[in-house]
């Protein structure tokens, strides 16, 4: 059943990409979806299908909008720091803690942090994530976690866990 759902999802992506209902395109889509599932089927996350739950999908959309907002805000912040003649930066690596348990949720968190200008995920060790930050504003680990991690963490928890 799981493989059927994967093939169906891959075929749906094929239809969205080709935007054609000609029988040749449909046949090619089915064949490519089957081959892709055979080759890549073992690397799919175990419970990836649960993301299709409407409530989880809603929270994923909320996460996407929130993420884009933080990216825009961080772009302006980094641009200000680059263009300011005094270069107000205090770079360093901070250690923050995450409560996320699944690999997919942690991957999304690390990628969200990395894709936000001014921060870069360096390493995951246990429940801790090491992040290079362009401007450390606090020396308190709890405050750093609030600033960097918790803005995405509660939404990703509702999507992936």
C-alpha atoms as a PDB file:
ATOM      1  CA  UNK A   1       0.000   0.000   0.000  1.00  0.00           C
ATOM      2  CA  UNK A   2       2.840   2.385   0.892  1.00  0.00           C
ATOM      3  CA  UNK A   3       4.515   1.890  -2.489  1.00  0.00           C
ATOM      4  CA  UNK A   4       1.215   2.480  -4.281  1.00  0.00           C
ATOM      5  CA  UNK A   5       0.781   5.808  -2.484  1.00  0.00           C
ATOM      6  CA  UNK A   6       4.366   6.810  -3.378  1.00  0.00           C
ATOM      7  CA  UNK A   7       3.804   5.951  -7.044  1.00  0.00           C
ATOM      8  CA  UNK A   8       0.528   7.859  -6.985  1.00  0.00           C
ATOM      9  CA  UNK A   9       2.214  10.925  -5.479  1.00  0.00           C
ATOM     10  CA  UNK A  10       5.054  10.756  -8.008  1.00  0.00           C
ATOM     11  CA  UNK A  11       2.547  10.415 -10.827  1.00  0.00           C
ATOM     12  CA  UNK A  12       0.646  13.424  -9.469  1.00  0.00           C
ATOM     13  CA  UNK A  13       3.856  15.445  -9.511  1.00  0.00           C
ATOM     14  CA  UNK A  14       4.440  14.279 -13.094  1.00  0.00           C
ATOM     15  CA  UNK A  15       0.977  15.505 -14.079  1.00  0.00           C
ATOM     16  CA  UNK A  16       1.599  18.889 -12.458  1.00  0.00           C
ATOM     17  CA  UNK A  17       4.941  19.234 -14.236  1.00  0.00           C
ATOM     18  CA  UNK A  18       3.781  18.164 -17.695  1.00  0.00           C
ATOM     19  CA  UNK A  19       0.254  19.604 -17.511  1.00  0.00           C
ATOM     20  CA  UNK A  20      -0.849  17.181 -20.211  1.00  0.00           C
ATOM     21  CA  UNK A  21      -3.433  14.402 -20.402  1.00  0.00           C
ATOM     22  CA  UNK A  22      -2.280  12.827 -23.679  1.00  0.00           C
ATOM     23  CA  UNK A  23      -2.044   9.064 -23.389  1.00  0.00           C
ATOM     24  CA  UNK A  24       1.690   9.122 -24.228  1.00  0.00           C
ATOM     25  CA  UNK A  25       2.399  11.559 -21.388  1.00  0.00           C
ATOM     26  CA  UNK A  26       0.246   9.551 -18.974  1.00  0.00           C
ATOM     27  CA  UNK A  27       2.014   6.313 -19.903  1.00  0.00           C
ATOM     28  CA  UNK A  28       5.434   7.943 -19.570  1.00  0.00           C
ATOM     29  CA  UNK A  29       4.404   9.353 -16.176  1.00  0.00           C
ATOM     30  CA  UNK A  30       3.320   5.953 -14.866  1.00  0.00           C
ATOM     31  CA  UNK A  31       6.528   4.308 -16.087  1.00  0.00           C
ATOM     32  CA  UNK A  32       8.753   7.049 -14.651  1.00  0.00           C
ATOM     33  CA  UNK A  33       6.866   7.007 -11.331  1.00  0.00           C
ATOM     34  CA  UNK A  34       7.293   3.218 -11.080  1.00  0.00           C
ATOM     35  CA  UNK A  35      10.997   3.391 -11.912  1.00  0.00           C
ATOM     36  CA  UNK A  36      11.561   6.263  -9.462  1.00  0.00           C
ATOM     37  CA  UNK A  37       9.783   4.337  -6.722  1.00  0.00           C
ATOM     38  CA  UNK A  38      11.817   1.204  -7.413  1.00  0.00           C
ATOM     39  CA  UNK A  39      15.099   3.103  -7.329  1.00  0.00           C
ATOM     40  CA  UNK A  40      14.346   5.583  -4.549  1.00  0.00           C
ATOM     41  CA  UNK A  41      11.593   3.824  -2.589  1.00  0.00           C
ATOM     42  CA  UNK A  42      13.846   2.803   0.285  1.00  0.00           C
ATOM     43  CA  UNK A  43      14.944   6.381   1.075  1.00  0.00           C
ATOM     44  CA  UNK A  44      11.457   7.795   1.600  1.00  0.00           C
ATOM     45  CA  UNK A  45      10.819   8.725   5.237  1.00  0.00           C
ATOM     46  CA  UNK A  46       8.813   6.078   7.049  1.00  0.00           C
ATOM     47  CA  UNK A  47       5.760   8.211   7.837  1.00  0.00           C
ATOM     48  CA  UNK A  48       6.006  10.854   5.128  1.00  0.00           C
ATOM     49  CA  UNK A  49       2.435  10.190   4.064  1.00  0.00           C
ATOM     50  CA  UNK A  50       1.093  11.627   7.338  1.00  0.00           C
ATOM     51  CA  UNK A  51       2.020  15.107   6.039  1.00  0.00           C
ATOM     52  CA  UNK A  52      -1.003  14.834   3.709  1.00  0.00           C
ATOM     53  CA  UNK A  53      -3.317  15.127   6.721  1.00  0.00           C
ATOM     54  CA  UNK A  54      -5.286  18.395   6.206  1.00  0.00           C
ATOM     55  CA  UNK A  55      -4.400  19.738   9.676  1.00  0.00           C
ATOM     56  CA  UNK A  56      -0.702  18.997   9.148  1.00  0.00           C
ATOM     57  CA  UNK A  57      -0.902  20.518   5.650  1.00  0.00           C
ATOM     58  CA  UNK A  58      -2.460  23.678   7.128  1.00  0.00           C
ATOM     59  CA  UNK A  59       0.401  23.982   9.611  1.00  0.00           C
ATOM     60  CA  UNK A  60       2.893  23.395   6.786  1.00  0.00           C
ATOM     61  CA  UNK A  61       1.390  26.326   4.881  1.00  0.00           C
ATOM     62  CA  UNK A  62       1.526  28.458   8.046  1.00  0.00           C
ATOM     63  CA  UNK A  63       5.162  27.404   8.496  1.00  0.00           C
ATOM     64  CA  UNK A  64       5.952  28.316   4.868  1.00  0.00           C
ATOM     65  CA  UNK A  65       4.460  31.799   5.199  1.00  0.00           C
ATOM     66  CA  UNK A  66       6.198  32.353   8.547  1.00  0.00           C
ATOM     67  CA  UNK A  67       9.496  31.088   7.139  1.00  0.00           C
ATOM     68  CA  UNK A  68       9.279  33.450   4.156  1.00  0.00           C
ATOM     69  CA  UNK A  69       8.546  36.350   6.505  1.00  0.00           C
ATOM     70  CA  UNK A  70      11.643  35.590   8.584  1.00  0.00           C
ATOM     71  CA  UNK A  71      13.764  35.224   5.440  1.00  0.00           C
ATOM     72  CA  UNK A  72      12.710  38.677   4.212  1.00  0.00           C
ATOM     73  CA  UNK A  73      13.300  40.194   7.658  1.00  0.00           C
ATOM     74  CA  UNK A  74      16.731  38.530   7.945  1.00  0.00           C
ATOM     75  CA  UNK A  75      17.703  39.723   4.454  1.00  0.00           C
ATOM     76  CA  UNK A  76      17.070  43.320   5.494  1.00  0.00           C
ATOM     77  CA  UNK A  77      18.986  42.765   8.745  1.00  0.00           C
ATOM     78  CA  UNK A  78      22.033  41.336   6.952  1.00  0.00           C
ATOM     79  CA  UNK A  79      21.885  44.087   4.316  1.00  0.00           C
ATOM     80  CA  UNK A  80      21.859  46.685   7.107  1.00  0.00           C
ATOM     81  CA  UNK A  81      24.892  45.070   8.735  1.00  0.00           C
ATOM     82  CA  UNK A  82      26.781  44.921   5.430  1.00  0.00           C
ATOM     83  CA  UNK A  83      25.972  48.493   4.421  1.00  0.00           C
ATOM     84  CA  UNK A  84      26.547  50.037   7.864  1.00  0.00           C
ATOM     85  CA  UNK A  85      29.979  51.607   8.062  1.00  0.00           C
ATOM     86  CA  UNK A  86      30.505  50.393  11.651  1.00  0.00           C
ATOM     87  CA  UNK A  87      29.638  46.761  10.699  1.00  0.00           C
ATOM     88  CA  UNK A  88      27.663  45.927  13.874  1.00  0.00           C
ATOM     89  CA  UNK A  89      28.305  42.187  14.062  1.00  0.00           C
ATOM     90  CA  UNK A  90      29.284  39.806  16.819  1.00  0.00           C
ATOM     91  CA  UNK A  91      29.695  36.450  15.052  1.00  0.00           C
ATOM     92  CA  UNK A  92      29.993  33.151  16.826  1.00  0.00           C
ATOM     93  CA  UNK A  93      28.682  29.638  17.224  1.00  0.00           C
ATOM     94  CA  UNK A  94      25.823  29.111  19.629  1.00  0.00           C
ATOM     95  CA  UNK A  95      24.473  25.872  21.082  1.00  0.00           C
ATOM     96  CA  UNK A  96      20.681  25.634  21.159  1.00  0.00           C
ATOM     97  CA  UNK A  97      18.398  22.826  22.213  1.00  0.00           C
ATOM     98  CA  UNK A  98      15.517  21.421  20.193  1.00  0.00           C
ATOM     99  CA  UNK A  99      12.571  19.353  21.345  1.00  0.00           C
ATOM    100  CA  UNK A 100      11.948  17.877  17.881  1.00  0.00           C
ATOM    101  CA  UNK A 101      12.402  14.092  17.768  1.00  0.00           C
ATOM    102  CA  UNK A 102      11.917  12.950  14.171  1.00  0.00           C
ATOM    103  CA  UNK A 103      14.706  13.187  11.618  1.00  0.00           C
ATOM    104  CA  UNK A 104      12.474  14.916   9.090  1.00  0.00           C
ATOM    105  CA  UNK A 105      11.436  17.635  11.556  1.00  0.00           C
ATOM    106  CA  UNK A 106      15.054  18.190  12.615  1.00  0.00           C
ATOM    107  CA  UNK A 107      16.150  18.379   8.985  1.00  0.00           C
ATOM    108  CA  UNK A 108      13.494  20.981   8.223  1.00  0.00           C
ATOM    109  CA  UNK A 109      14.545  22.970  11.298  1.00  0.00           C
ATOM    110  CA  UNK A 110      18.238  22.887  10.371  1.00  0.00           C
ATOM    111  CA  UNK A 111      17.484  23.822   6.759  1.00  0.00           C
ATOM    112  CA  UNK A 112      15.152  26.626   7.846  1.00  0.00           C
ATOM    113  CA  UNK A 113      17.891  28.069  10.025  1.00  0.00           C
ATOM    114  CA  UNK A 114      20.501  27.716   7.282  1.00  0.00           C
ATOM    115  CA  UNK A 115      18.276  29.289   4.628  1.00  0.00           C
ATOM    116  CA  UNK A 116      17.609  32.293   6.856  1.00  0.00           C
ATOM    117  CA  UNK A 117      20.371  34.846   6.145  1.00  0.00           C
ATOM    118  CA  UNK A 118      22.727  35.458   9.054  1.00  0.00           C
ATOM    119  CA  UNK A 119      22.515  31.938  10.474  1.00  0.00           C
ATOM    120  CA  UNK A 120      24.039  28.614   9.467  1.00  0.00           C
ATOM    121  CA  UNK A 121      23.372  25.192  10.983  1.00  0.00           C
ATOM    122  CA  UNK A 122      26.722  23.563  11.687  1.00  0.00           C
ATOM    123  CA  UNK A 123      26.047  20.304  13.538  1.00  0.00           C
ATOM    124  CA  UNK A 124      23.479  18.246  15.428  1.00  0.00           C
ATOM    125  CA  UNK A 125      24.664  16.471  18.577  1.00  0.00           C
ATOM    126  CA  UNK A 126      21.897  14.740  20.503  1.00  0.00           C
ATOM    127  CA  UNK A 127      19.186  17.312  21.195  1.00  0.00           C
ATOM    128  CA  UNK A 128      21.537  20.223  20.574  1.00  0.00           C
ATOM    129  CA  UNK A 129      22.055  22.138  17.369  1.00  0.00           C
ATOM    130  CA  UNK A 130      25.177  24.224  16.790  1.00  0.00           C
ATOM    131  CA  UNK A 131      24.511  27.365  14.756  1.00  0.00           C
ATOM    132  CA  UNK A 132      26.848  30.015  13.414  1.00  0.00           C
ATOM    133  CA  UNK A 133      25.128  33.332  14.014  1.00  0.00           C
ATOM    134  CA  UNK A 134      26.181  36.652  12.493  1.00  0.00           C
ATOM    135  CA  UNK A 135      25.189  38.687  15.549  1.00  0.00           C
ATOM    136  CA  UNK A 136      24.958  36.987  18.914  1.00  0.00           C
ATOM    137  CA  UNK A 137      22.567  39.100  20.952  1.00  0.00           C
ATOM    138  CA  UNK A 138      22.595  37.052  24.147  1.00  0.00           C
ATOM    139  CA  UNK A 139      24.967  34.825  26.087  1.00  0.00           C
ATOM    140  CA  UNK A 140      22.067  32.907  27.648  1.00  0.00           C
ATOM    141  CA  UNK A 141      21.430  29.553  25.924  1.00  0.00           C
ATOM    142  CA  UNK A 142      17.688  29.668  26.705  1.00  0.00           C
ATOM    143  CA  UNK A 143      17.317  33.136  25.163  1.00  0.00           C
ATOM    144  CA  UNK A 144      19.331  32.070  22.075  1.00  0.00           C
ATOM    145  CA  UNK A 145      17.056  29.042  21.668  1.00  0.00           C
ATOM    146  CA  UNK A 146      13.998  31.308  21.854  1.00  0.00           C
ATOM    147  CA  UNK A 147      15.392  33.668  19.229  1.00  0.00           C
ATOM    148  CA  UNK A 148      16.628  31.107  16.704  1.00  0.00           C
ATOM    149  CA  UNK A 149      14.822  27.789  17.156  1.00  0.00           C
ATOM    150  CA  UNK A 150      11.422  28.296  18.742  1.00  0.00           C
ATOM    151  CA  UNK A 151      10.068  30.486  15.951  1.00  0.00           C
ATOM    152  CA  UNK A 152       9.981  27.403  13.674  1.00  0.00           C
ATOM    153  CA  UNK A 153       9.931  24.549  16.172  1.00  0.00           C
ATOM    154  CA  UNK A 154       6.293  24.615  17.310  1.00  0.00           C
ATOM    155  CA  UNK A 155       5.009  24.666  13.719  1.00  0.00           C
ATOM    156  CA  UNK A 156       7.334  21.883  12.562  1.00  0.00           C
ATOM    157  CA  UNK A 157       6.254  19.813  15.549  1.00  0.00           C
ATOM    158  CA  UNK A 158       2.622  20.078  14.441  1.00  0.00           C
ATOM    159  CA  UNK A 159       3.553  19.107  10.883  1.00  0.00           C
ATOM    160  CA  UNK A 160       5.983  16.222  11.409  1.00  0.00           C
ATOM    161  CA  UNK A 161       5.421  14.764  14.878  1.00  0.00           C
END
